[in-house]
Protein backbone atom coordinates (compact mmCIF):
# COMPACT_ATOMS: atom_id res chain seq x y z
CA MET A 1 18.63 1.08 14.86
CA GLU A 2 15.92 0.07 12.67
CA GLU A 3 15.92 0.67 9.20
CA LYS A 4 13.23 3.33 7.84
CA ILE A 5 11.12 1.97 5.12
CA PHE A 6 10.64 5.62 3.82
CA SER A 7 14.70 5.03 3.37
CA LYS A 8 14.17 2.53 0.66
CA SER A 9 13.31 3.16 -3.00
CA LEU A 10 10.71 1.81 -4.80
CA GLY A 11 12.45 -1.03 -6.33
CA GLU A 12 13.95 -2.39 -2.45
CA LEU A 13 10.43 -2.26 -1.43
CA ILE A 14 8.99 -4.53 -4.15
CA ARG A 15 11.86 -6.79 -3.95
CA GLN A 16 12.05 -7.42 -0.10
CA VAL A 17 8.17 -7.94 -0.79
CA ARG A 18 8.56 -10.26 -3.58
CA ILE A 19 11.30 -12.37 -1.87
CA ASP A 20 9.44 -12.51 1.81
CA LYS A 21 6.40 -13.82 -0.37
CA LYS A 22 7.66 -16.12 -2.36
CA LEU A 23 6.83 -14.11 -5.63
CA SER A 24 7.95 -14.01 -8.79
CA TYR A 25 7.80 -11.20 -11.13
CA GLN A 26 5.27 -12.93 -13.55
CA ASP A 27 2.99 -13.38 -10.05
CA ILE A 28 2.87 -9.50 -9.18
CA ALA A 29 2.75 -8.85 -12.92
CA ARG A 30 -0.58 -10.65 -12.80
CA MET A 31 -1.71 -9.12 -9.66
CA ILE A 32 -1.08 -5.51 -10.92
CA GLN A 33 -2.06 -6.95 -14.78
CA VAL A 34 0.96 -5.52 -16.00
CA PRO A 35 4.11 -7.17 -18.03
CA ALA A 36 6.56 -9.50 -15.93
CA GLU A 37 9.21 -7.09 -17.46
CA ASP A 38 7.70 -3.89 -16.58
CA VAL A 39 7.96 -5.78 -12.70
CA GLU A 40 11.66 -6.47 -13.46
CA LYS A 41 12.13 -2.62 -14.45
CA PHE A 42 10.09 -1.17 -11.43
CA GLU A 43 12.55 -3.40 -9.29
CA LYS A 44 15.66 -2.10 -11.04
CA MET A 45 14.48 1.22 -10.98
CA GLU A 46 14.63 1.52 -14.80
CA ALA A 47 10.89 2.32 -15.11
CA ILE A 48 8.40 4.40 -12.29
CA PRO A 49 4.87 2.71 -12.17
CA SER A 50 1.82 5.34 -12.64
CA ASP A 51 -0.40 6.09 -9.72
CA ASP A 52 -2.48 3.61 -11.17
CA VAL A 53 -0.28 0.85 -11.02
CA LEU A 54 1.00 2.16 -7.56
CA LYS A 55 -2.69 1.56 -5.93
CA LYS A 56 -2.66 -2.47 -7.37
CA LEU A 57 0.63 -2.62 -5.89
CA SER A 58 -0.64 -1.31 -2.65
CA GLY A 59 -3.67 -3.87 -2.42
CA ASN A 60 -1.88 -6.79 -3.71
CA LEU A 61 1.45 -6.34 -1.71
CA GLY A 62 0.49 -4.73 1.77
CA ILE A 63 2.84 -1.78 1.34
CA GLY A 64 1.13 1.64 2.09
CA TYR A 65 0.10 3.72 -0.76
CA ARG A 66 2.00 6.50 1.02
CA GLN A 67 5.29 4.55 1.25
CA LEU A 68 4.76 3.55 -2.27
CA ARG A 69 4.72 7.19 -3.85
CA ILE A 70 7.67 8.36 -1.61
CA SER A 71 9.78 5.29 -2.58
CA ALA A 72 9.10 5.78 -6.04
CA GLY A 73 9.90 9.74 -6.29
CA TYR A 74 6.92 11.22 -6.22
CA ASN A 75 5.77 14.51 -3.92
CA MET A 76 2.67 13.79 -1.52
CA VAL A 77 0.72 17.06 -2.15
CA GLY A 78 -2.86 16.35 -1.90
CA VAL A 79 -4.61 14.16 0.35
CA TYR A 80 -4.66 10.10 -0.80
CA PRO A 81 -6.21 7.57 0.84
CA GLU A 82 -3.33 5.30 2.95
CA TYR A 83 -4.80 1.99 1.46
CA TYR A 84 -6.13 0.26 -1.64
CA LEU A 85 -7.77 -3.08 -2.50
CA SER A 86 -5.85 -5.25 -5.28
CA ASP A 87 -8.26 -3.98 -7.87
CA GLY A 88 -6.59 -0.10 -7.08
CA THR A 89 -10.19 1.34 -5.52
CA PRO A 90 -9.62 3.21 -2.20
CA LEU A 91 -9.71 1.33 0.98
CA ASP A 92 -12.25 4.14 2.59
CA ILE A 93 -12.06 2.98 6.80
CA ASP A 94 -14.86 5.28 6.86
CA GLU A 95 -17.19 3.37 4.97
CA ILE A 96 -16.38 0.27 6.45
CA LEU A 97 -17.13 2.00 9.96
CA SER A 98 -20.31 3.33 8.97
CA LYS A 99 -21.53 0.33 7.85
CA ILE A 100 -20.58 -1.41 10.84
CA TYR A 101 -22.27 1.11 13.05
CA TYR A 102 -25.73 0.33 11.02
CA LYS A 103 -25.20 -2.77 11.83
CA GLU A 104 -24.02 -2.66 15.44
CA PRO A 105 -23.94 0.57 16.39
CA SER A 106 -22.67 -0.52 20.06
CA VAL A 107 -18.93 -1.35 18.86
CA LEU A 108 -18.50 1.76 17.09
CA PRO A 109 -16.67 3.69 19.80
CA ILE A 110 -14.46 0.53 20.11
CA LEU A 111 -13.46 0.25 16.28
CA TYR A 112 -12.55 4.02 16.52
CA GLU A 113 -10.16 3.32 19.22
CA ILE A 114 -8.63 0.76 17.50
CA VAL A 115 -8.20 3.03 13.89
CA GLU A 116 -6.73 6.30 16.52
CA PHE A 117 -4.25 3.01 18.38
CA TYR A 118 -3.13 2.03 15.25
CA LYS A 119 -2.20 5.40 13.87
CA ARG A 120 -0.74 6.37 17.26
CA THR A 121 1.87 3.09 16.77
CA HIS A 122 2.17 3.45 12.75
CA ALA A 123 2.82 7.48 12.53
CA ASP A 124 6.40 6.18 12.08
CA ASP A 125 5.53 3.44 8.95
């Protein structure tokens, strides 16, 4: 049986991605603009990052923000974008699709089908 990503702690997620991508604490620290010691503390679950740092982790490590928040122990009351850019700003899929629509309107229905398919097939991620 495949282990669900939500069953992993934040530290386990960071460590898994760090090892898979062959990154050091220093590499991640540079990406998210914190001291390397903080990254080590996050991984060892000795400290919990702020929301701003979680957003940067999401954008730089390619982990969904919702996964990071839940793994960090935050509740998910409220509506949050799922993905963030490397600088921590929200990635707004609707805005991206709107820009594409104005350039080439005929492709929009196809893009929405792709997004909906992705949502259906990754609902448990």
